[in-house]
């Protein structure tokens, strides 16, 4: 998936997608180990998508934390 498509999803859907991809990654690793999988590059794509999702989730978390600290700073300035 492209990063633009992933950014449109909510945090809950991203978490569900992350769980799904981690399971798929595990299955692909077992398939590769048993020489059942011909397209080993698929694992690489899954790993990249997992990294993208984790990055987006971290950015969203940091955005919420920064928004909270910005509000605290604004309140502190108003009290002065």
PDB file of N, CA and C in Angstrom:
ATOM      1  N   UNK A   1       0.837  -1.185   0.000  1.00  0.00           N
ATOM      2  CA  UNK A   1       0.000   0.000   0.000  1.00  0.00           C
ATOM      3  C   UNK A   1       0.880   1.246   0.000  1.00  0.00           C
ATOM      4  N   UNK A   2       0.352   2.275  -0.584  1.00  0.00           N
ATOM      5  CA  UNK A   2       1.070   3.536  -0.616  1.00  0.00           C
ATOM      6  C   UNK A   2       0.821   4.290   0.686  1.00  0.00           C
ATOM      7  N   UNK A   3       1.746   5.157   1.022  1.00  0.00           N
ATOM      8  CA  UNK A   3       1.672   5.898   2.277  1.00  0.00           C
ATOM      9  C   UNK A   3       0.457   6.822   2.304  1.00  0.00           C
ATOM     10  N   UNK A   4       0.056   7.360   1.153  1.00  0.00           N
ATOM     11  CA  UNK A   4      -1.115   8.243   1.101  1.00  0.00           C
ATOM     12  C   UNK A   4      -2.380   7.473   1.461  1.00  0.00           C
ATOM     13  N   UNK A   5      -2.466   6.243   1.003  1.00  0.00           N
ATOM     14  CA  UNK A   5      -3.629   5.407   1.324  1.00  0.00           C
ATOM     15  C   UNK A   5      -3.659   5.076   2.806  1.00  0.00           C
ATOM     16  N   UNK A   6      -2.497   4.820   3.381  1.00  0.00           N
ATOM     17  CA  UNK A   6      -2.424   4.455   4.794  1.00  0.00           C
ATOM     18  C   UNK A   6      -2.756   5.645   5.692  1.00  0.00           C
ATOM     19  N   UNK A   7      -2.358   6.843   5.291  1.00  0.00           N
ATOM     20  CA  UNK A   7      -2.628   8.031   6.113  1.00  0.00           C
ATOM     21  C   UNK A   7      -4.123   8.330   6.228  1.00  0.00           C
ATOM     22  N   UNK A   8      -4.906   7.862   5.264  1.00  0.00           N
ATOM     23  CA  UNK A   8      -6.345   8.102   5.287  1.00  0.00           C
ATOM     24  C   UNK A   8      -7.056   7.217   6.305  1.00  0.00           C
ATOM     25  N   UNK A   9      -6.421   6.131   6.739  1.00  0.00           N
ATOM     26  CA  UNK A   9      -7.055   5.186   7.657  1.00  0.00           C
ATOM     27  C   UNK A   9      -6.969   5.691   9.089  1.00  0.00           C
ATOM     28  N   UNK A  10      -7.928   5.264   9.906  1.00  0.00           N
ATOM     29  CA  UNK A  10      -7.922   5.627  11.317  1.00  0.00           C
ATOM     30  C   UNK A  10      -6.898   4.777  12.067  1.00  0.00           C
ATOM     31  N   UNK A  11      -6.625   5.161  13.297  1.00  0.00           N
ATOM     32  CA  UNK A  11      -5.640   4.443  14.108  1.00  0.00           C
ATOM     33  C   UNK A  11      -6.086   3.006  14.368  1.00  0.00           C
ATOM     34  N   UNK A  12      -7.386   2.796  14.576  1.00  0.00           N
ATOM     35  CA  UNK A  12      -7.895   1.439  14.817  1.00  0.00           C
ATOM     36  C   UNK A  12      -7.701   0.551  13.592  1.00  0.00           C
ATOM     37  N   UNK A  13      -8.007   1.096  12.426  1.00  0.00           N
ATOM     38  CA  UNK A  13      -7.848   0.314  11.199  1.00  0.00           C
ATOM     39  C   UNK A  13      -6.374   0.041  10.913  1.00  0.00           C
ATOM     40  N   UNK A  14      -5.525   1.015  11.228  1.00  0.00           N
ATOM     41  CA  UNK A  14      -4.093   0.803  11.035  1.00  0.00           C
ATOM     42  C   UNK A  14      -3.569  -0.292  11.958  1.00  0.00           C
ATOM     43  N   UNK A  15      -4.063  -0.315  13.177  1.00  0.00           N
ATOM     44  CA  UNK A  15      -3.651  -1.351  14.125  1.00  0.00           C
ATOM     45  C   UNK A  15      -4.108  -2.725  13.650  1.00  0.00           C
ATOM     46  N   UNK A  16      -5.328  -2.803  13.145  1.00  0.00           N
ATOM     47  CA  UNK A  16      -5.829  -4.070  12.606  1.00  0.00           C
ATOM     48  C   UNK A  16      -4.997  -4.516  11.406  1.00  0.00           C
ATOM     49  N   UNK A  17      -4.683  -3.576  10.526  1.00  0.00           N
ATOM     50  CA  UNK A  17      -3.881  -3.875   9.347  1.00  0.00           C
ATOM     51  C   UNK A  17      -2.476  -4.331   9.748  1.00  0.00           C
ATOM     52  N   UNK A  18      -1.938  -3.710  10.786  1.00  0.00           N
ATOM     53  CA  UNK A  18      -0.614  -4.074  11.281  1.00  0.00           C
ATOM     54  C   UNK A  18      -0.600  -5.510  11.795  1.00  0.00           C
ATOM     55  N   UNK A  19      -1.621  -5.881  12.545  1.00  0.00           N
ATOM     56  CA  UNK A  19      -1.728  -7.248  13.049  1.00  0.00           C
ATOM     57  C   UNK A  19      -1.836  -8.236  11.899  1.00  0.00           C
ATOM     58  N   UNK A  20      -2.654  -7.901  10.922  1.00  0.00           N
ATOM     59  CA  UNK A  20      -2.840  -8.762   9.754  1.00  0.00           C
ATOM     60  C   UNK A  20      -1.520  -8.961   8.999  1.00  0.00           C
ATOM     61  N   UNK A  21      -0.779  -7.870   8.799  1.00  0.00           N
ATOM     62  CA  UNK A  21       0.477  -7.963   8.061  1.00  0.00           C
ATOM     63  C   UNK A  21       1.555  -8.711   8.839  1.00  0.00           C
ATOM     64  N   UNK A  22       1.556  -8.576  10.149  1.00  0.00           N
ATOM     65  CA  UNK A  22       2.524  -9.333  10.951  1.00  0.00           C
ATOM     66  C   UNK A  22       2.256 -10.832  10.860  1.00  0.00           C
ATOM     67  N   UNK A  23       0.983 -11.202  10.849  1.00  0.00           N
ATOM     68  CA  UNK A  23       0.643 -12.618  10.670  1.00  0.00           C
ATOM     69  C   UNK A  23       1.059 -13.103   9.287  1.00  0.00           C
ATOM     70  N   UNK A  24       0.830 -12.268   8.275  1.00  0.00           N
ATOM     71  CA  UNK A  24       1.212 -12.636   6.914  1.00  0.00           C
ATOM     72  C   UNK A  24       2.730 -12.776   6.813  1.00  0.00           C
ATOM     73  N   UNK A  25       3.451 -11.897   7.486  1.00  0.00           N
ATOM     74  CA  UNK A  25       4.911 -11.959   7.489  1.00  0.00           C
ATOM     75  C   UNK A  25       5.396 -13.273   8.094  1.00  0.00           C
ATOM     76  N   UNK A  26       4.778 -13.668   9.181  1.00  0.00           N
ATOM     77  CA  UNK A  26       5.135 -14.928   9.832  1.00  0.00           C
ATOM     78  C   UNK A  26       4.891 -16.101   8.886  1.00  0.00           C
ATOM     79  N   UNK A  27       3.745 -16.103   8.222  1.00  0.00           N
ATOM     80  CA  UNK A  27       3.425 -17.185   7.279  1.00  0.00           C
ATOM     81  C   UNK A  27       4.409 -17.216   6.115  1.00  0.00           C
ATOM     82  N   UNK A  28       4.784 -16.043   5.614  1.00  0.00           N
ATOM     83  CA  UNK A  28       5.732 -15.986   4.510  1.00  0.00           C
ATOM     84  C   UNK A  28       7.110 -16.505   4.927  1.00  0.00           C
ATOM     85  N   UNK A  29       7.533 -16.163   6.137  1.00  0.00           N
ATOM     86  CA  UNK A  29       8.829 -16.667   6.605  1.00  0.00           C
ATOM     87  C   UNK A  29       8.845 -18.182   6.674  1.00  0.00           C
ATOM     88  N   UNK A  30       7.750 -18.769   7.171  1.00  0.00           N
ATOM     89  CA  UNK A  30       7.674 -20.232   7.233  1.00  0.00           C
ATOM     90  C   UNK A  30       7.660 -20.836   5.829  1.00  0.00           C
ATOM     91  N   UNK A  31       6.960 -20.200   4.915  1.00  0.00           N
ATOM     92  CA  UNK A  31       6.905 -20.703   3.542  1.00  0.00           C
ATOM     93  C   UNK A  31       8.278 -20.649   2.876  1.00  0.00           C
ATOM     94  N   UNK A  32       8.996 -19.575   3.145  1.00  0.00           N
ATOM     95  CA  UNK A  32      10.342 -19.448   2.581  1.00  0.00           C
ATOM     96  C   UNK A  32      11.263 -20.509   3.176  1.00  0.00           C
ATOM     97  N   UNK A  33      11.151 -20.731   4.468  1.00  0.00           N
ATOM     98  CA  UNK A  33      12.007 -21.721   5.130  1.00  0.00           C
ATOM     99  C   UNK A  33      11.750 -23.130   4.600  1.00  0.00           C
ATOM    100  N   UNK A  34      10.529 -23.402   4.211  1.00  0.00           N
ATOM    101  CA  UNK A  34      10.173 -24.728   3.699  1.00  0.00           C
ATOM    102  C   UNK A  34      10.277 -24.816   2.181  1.00  0.00           C
ATOM    103  N   UNK A  35      10.846 -23.787   1.562  1.00  0.00           N
ATOM    104  CA  UNK A  35      10.997 -23.733   0.102  1.00  0.00           C
ATOM    105  C   UNK A  35       9.670 -23.906  -0.634  1.00  0.00           C
ATOM    106  N   UNK A  36       8.590 -23.352  -0.090  1.00  0.00           N
ATOM    107  CA  UNK A  36       7.283 -23.431  -0.720  1.00  0.00           C
ATOM    108  C   UNK A  36       6.934 -22.155  -1.484  1.00  0.00           C
ATOM    109  N   UNK A  37       7.683 -21.100  -1.238  1.00  0.00           N
ATOM    110  CA  UNK A  37       7.345 -19.806  -1.819  1.00  0.00           C
ATOM    111  C   UNK A  37       8.328 -19.468  -2.939  1.00  0.00           C
ATOM    112  N   UNK A  38       7.789 -19.105  -4.096  1.00  0.00           N
ATOM    113  CA  UNK A  38       8.631 -18.748  -5.240  1.00  0.00           C
ATOM    114  C   UNK A  38       8.996 -17.264  -5.213  1.00  0.00           C
ATOM    115  N   UNK A  39       8.035 -16.409  -4.828  1.00  0.00           N
ATOM    116  CA  UNK A  39       8.240 -14.963  -4.844  1.00  0.00           C
ATOM    117  C   UNK A  39       8.662 -14.496  -3.447  1.00  0.00           C
ATOM    118  N   UNK A  40       9.967 -14.538  -3.172  1.00  0.00           N
ATOM    119  CA  UNK A  40      10.458 -14.171  -1.845  1.00  0.00           C
ATOM    120  C   UNK A  40      10.456 -12.661  -1.633  1.00  0.00           C
ATOM    121  N   UNK A  41      10.304 -11.894  -2.708  1.00  0.00           N
ATOM    122  CA  UNK A  41      10.256 -10.439  -2.579  1.00  0.00           C
ATOM    123  C   UNK A  41       8.972  -9.964  -1.897  1.00  0.00           C
ATOM    124  N   UNK A  42       7.975 -10.809  -1.868  1.00  0.00           N
ATOM    125  CA  UNK A  42       6.706 -10.454  -1.227  1.00  0.00           C
ATOM    126  C   UNK A  42       6.930 -10.141   0.250  1.00  0.00           C
ATOM    127  N   UNK A  43       7.816 -10.892   0.896  1.00  0.00           N
ATOM    128  CA  UNK A  43       8.125 -10.649   2.301  1.00  0.00           C
ATOM    129  C   UNK A  43       8.718  -9.256   2.482  1.00  0.00           C
ATOM    130  N   UNK A  44       9.557  -8.845   1.556  1.00  0.00           N
ATOM    131  CA  UNK A  44      10.171  -7.524   1.628  1.00  0.00           C
ATOM    132  C   UNK A  44       9.108  -6.423   1.570  1.00  0.00           C
ATOM    133  N   UNK A  45       8.139  -6.585   0.695  1.00  0.00           N
ATOM    134  CA  UNK A  45       7.066  -5.592   0.569  1.00  0.00           C
ATOM    135  C   UNK A  45       6.209  -5.535   1.831  1.00  0.00           C
ATOM    136  N   UNK A  46       5.933  -6.699   2.411  1.00  0.00           N
ATOM    137  CA  UNK A  46       5.139  -6.743   3.646  1.00  0.00           C
ATOM    138  C   UNK A  46       5.889  -6.030   4.766  1.00  0.00           C
ATOM    139  N   UNK A  47       7.183  -6.266   4.861  1.00  0.00           N
ATOM    140  CA  UNK A  47       7.977  -5.622   5.907  1.00  0.00           C
ATOM    141  C   UNK A  47       8.009  -4.108   5.731  1.00  0.00           C
ATOM    142  N   UNK A  48       8.088  -3.650   4.490  1.00  0.00           N
ATOM    143  CA  UNK A  48       8.079  -2.204   4.235  1.00  0.00           C
ATOM    144  C   UNK A  48       6.740  -1.583   4.614  1.00  0.00           C
ATOM    145  N   UNK A  49       5.657  -2.287   4.317  1.00  0.00           N
ATOM    146  CA  UNK A  49       4.329  -1.780   4.667  1.00  0.00           C
ATOM    147  C   UNK A  49       4.162  -1.729   6.180  1.00  0.00           C
ATOM    148  N   UNK A  50       4.674  -2.739   6.879  1.00  0.00           N
ATOM    149  CA  UNK A  50       4.627  -2.741   8.346  1.00  0.00           C
ATOM    150  C   UNK A  50       5.366  -1.516   8.885  1.00  0.00           C
ATOM    151  N   UNK A  51       6.530  -1.228   8.343  1.00  0.00           N
ATOM    152  CA  UNK A  51       7.305  -0.067   8.779  1.00  0.00           C
ATOM    153  C   UNK A  51       6.551   1.236   8.518  1.00  0.00           C
ATOM    154  N   UNK A  52       5.878   1.333   7.381  1.00  0.00           N
ATOM    155  CA  UNK A  52       5.092   2.529   7.068  1.00  0.00           C
ATOM    156  C   UNK A  52       3.974   2.733   8.081  1.00  0.00           C
ATOM    157  N   UNK A  53       3.281   1.649   8.423  1.00  0.00           N
ATOM    158  CA  UNK A  53       2.167   1.743   9.367  1.00  0.00           C
ATOM    159  C   UNK A  53       2.671   2.161  10.740  1.00  0.00           C
ATOM    160  N   UNK A  54       3.777   1.572  11.188  1.00  0.00           N
ATOM    161  CA  UNK A  54       4.331   1.931  12.494  1.00  0.00           C
ATOM    162  C   UNK A  54       4.749   3.400  12.501  1.00  0.00           C
ATOM    163  N   UNK A  55       5.317   3.867  11.406  1.00  0.00           N
ATOM    164  CA  UNK A  55       5.719   5.269  11.306  1.00  0.00           C
ATOM    165  C   UNK A  55       4.513   6.193  11.402  1.00  0.00           C
ATOM    166  N   UNK A  56       3.450   5.860  10.699  1.00  0.00           N
ATOM    167  CA  UNK A  56       2.238   6.690  10.736  1.00  0.00           C
ATOM    168  C   UNK A  56       1.632   6.699  12.135  1.00  0.00           C
ATOM    169  N   UNK A  57       1.569   5.548  12.776  1.00  0.00           N
ATOM    170  CA  UNK A  57       1.018   5.477  14.131  1.00  0.00           C
ATOM    171  C   UNK A  57       1.857   6.321  15.102  1.00  0.00           C
ATOM    172  N   UNK A  58       3.184   6.283  14.969  1.00  0.00           N
ATOM    173  CA  UNK A  58       4.045   7.095  15.826  1.00  0.00           C
ATOM    174  C   UNK A  58       3.862   8.582  15.553  1.00  0.00           C
ATOM    175  N   UNK A  59       3.709   8.956  14.284  1.00  0.00           N
ATOM    176  CA  UNK A  59       3.484  10.359  13.951  1.00  0.00           C
ATOM    177  C   UNK A  59       2.159  10.851  14.530  1.00  0.00           C
ATOM    178  N   UNK A  60       1.127  10.017  14.455  1.00  0.00           N
ATOM    179  CA  UNK A  60      -0.167  10.394  15.017  1.00  0.00           C
ATOM    180  C   UNK A  60      -0.074  10.544  16.532  1.00  0.00           C
ATOM    181  N   UNK A  61       0.653   9.632  17.173  1.00  0.00           N
ATOM    182  CA  UNK A  61       0.811   9.693  18.624  1.00  0.00           C
ATOM    183  C   UNK A  61       1.562  10.959  19.021  1.00  0.00           C
ATOM    184  N   UNK A  62       2.645  11.273  18.311  1.00  0.00           N
ATOM    185  CA  UNK A  62       3.405  12.481  18.610  1.00  0.00           C
ATOM    186  C   UNK A  62       2.589  13.736  18.336  1.00  0.00           C
ATOM    187  N   UNK A  63       1.762  13.703  17.319  1.00  0.00           N
ATOM    188  CA  UNK A  63       0.900  14.840  17.019  1.00  0.00           C
ATOM    189  C   UNK A  63      -0.082  15.113  18.138  1.00  0.00           C
ATOM    190  N   UNK A  64      -0.640  14.036  18.692  1.00  0.00           N
ATOM    191  CA  UNK A  64      -1.569  14.205  19.816  1.00  0.00           C
ATOM    192  C   UNK A  64      -0.841  14.731  21.046  1.00  0.00           C
ATOM    193  N   UNK A  65       0.369  14.233  21.302  1.00  0.00           N
ATOM    194  CA  UNK A  65       1.138  14.696  22.454  1.00  0.00           C
ATOM    195  C   UNK A  65       1.525  16.159  22.297  1.00  0.00           C
ATOM    196  N   UNK A  66       1.947  16.545  21.098  1.00  0.00           N
ATOM    197  CA  UNK A  66       2.326  17.938  20.861  1.00  0.00           C
ATOM    198  C   UNK A  66       1.120  18.856  20.956  1.00  0.00           C
ATOM    199  N   UNK A  67      -0.022  18.402  20.493  1.00  0.00           N
ATOM    200  CA  UNK A  67      -1.238  19.212  20.584  1.00  0.00           C
ATOM    201  C   UNK A  67      -1.603  19.439  22.043  1.00  0.00           C
ATOM    202  N   UNK A  68      -1.437  18.415  22.862  1.00  0.00           N
ATOM    203  CA  UNK A  68      -1.723  18.547  24.287  1.00  0.00           C
ATOM    204  C   UNK A  68      -0.770  19.511  24.966  1.00  0.00           C
ATOM    205  N   UNK A  69       0.506  19.458  24.627  1.00  0.00           N
ATOM    206  CA  UNK A  69       1.481  20.363  25.234  1.00  0.00           C
ATOM    207  C   UNK A  69       1.287  21.787  24.735  1.00  0.00           C
ATOM    208  N   UNK A  70       0.866  21.952  23.472  1.00  0.00           N
ATOM    209  CA  UNK A  70       0.586  23.290  22.947  1.00  0.00           C
ATOM    210  C   UNK A  70      -0.574  23.925  23.692  1.00  0.00           C
ATOM    211  N   UNK A  71      -1.582  23.137  24.014  1.00  0.00           N
ATOM    212  CA  UNK A  71      -2.729  23.660  24.765  1.00  0.00           C
ATOM    213  C   UNK A  71      -2.300  24.090  26.156  1.00  0.00           C
ATOM    214  N   UNK A  72      -1.431  23.298  26.787  1.00  0.00           N
ATOM    215  CA  UNK A  72      -0.950  23.636  28.131  1.00  0.00           C
ATOM    216  C   UNK A  72      -0.155  24.936  28.094  1.00  0.00           C
ATOM    217  N   UNK A  73       0.672  25.107  27.055  1.00  0.00           N
ATOM    218  CA  UNK A  73       1.450  26.330  26.930  1.00  0.00           C
ATOM    219  C   UNK A  73       0.548  27.532  26.698  1.00  0.00           C
ATOM    220  N   UNK A  74      -0.485  27.370  25.895  1.00  0.00           N
ATOM    221  CA  UNK A  74      -1.417  28.464  25.622  1.00  0.00           C
ATOM    222  C   UNK A  74      -2.160  28.864  26.898  1.00  0.00           C
ATOM    223  N   UNK A  75      -2.557  27.899  27.695  1.00  0.00           N
ATOM    224  CA  UNK A  75      -3.242  28.178  28.956  1.00  0.00           C
ATOM    225  C   UNK A  75      -2.301  28.898  29.911  1.00  0.00           C
ATOM    226  N   UNK A  76      -1.059  28.463  29.966  1.00  0.00           N
ATOM    227  CA  UNK A  76      -0.063  29.105  30.839  1.00  0.00           C
ATOM    228  C   UNK A  76       0.172  30.547  30.423  1.00  0.00           C
ATOM    229  N   UNK A  77       0.202  30.837  29.129  1.00  0.00           N
ATOM    230  CA  UNK A  77       0.393  32.198  28.658  1.00  0.00           C
ATOM    231  C   UNK A  77      -0.805  33.080  28.980  1.00  0.00           C
ATOM    232  N   UNK A  78      -2.004  32.497  28.906  1.00  0.00           N
ATOM    233  CA  UNK A  78      -3.206  33.268  29.206  1.00  0.00           C
ATOM    234  C   UNK A  78      -3.286  33.606  30.681  1.00  0.00           C
ATOM    235  N   UNK A  79      -2.765  32.745  31.524  1.00  0.00           N
ATOM    236  CA  UNK A  79      -2.815  32.982  32.981  1.00  0.00           C
ATOM    237  C   UNK A  79      -1.882  34.092  33.408  1.00  0.00           C
ATOM    238  N   UNK A  80      -0.847  34.369  32.602  1.00  0.00           N
ATOM    239  CA  UNK A  80       0.117  35.428  32.945  1.00  0.00           C
ATOM    240  C   UNK A  80      -0.508  36.742  32.761  1.00  0.00           C
TER     241      UNK A  80
END
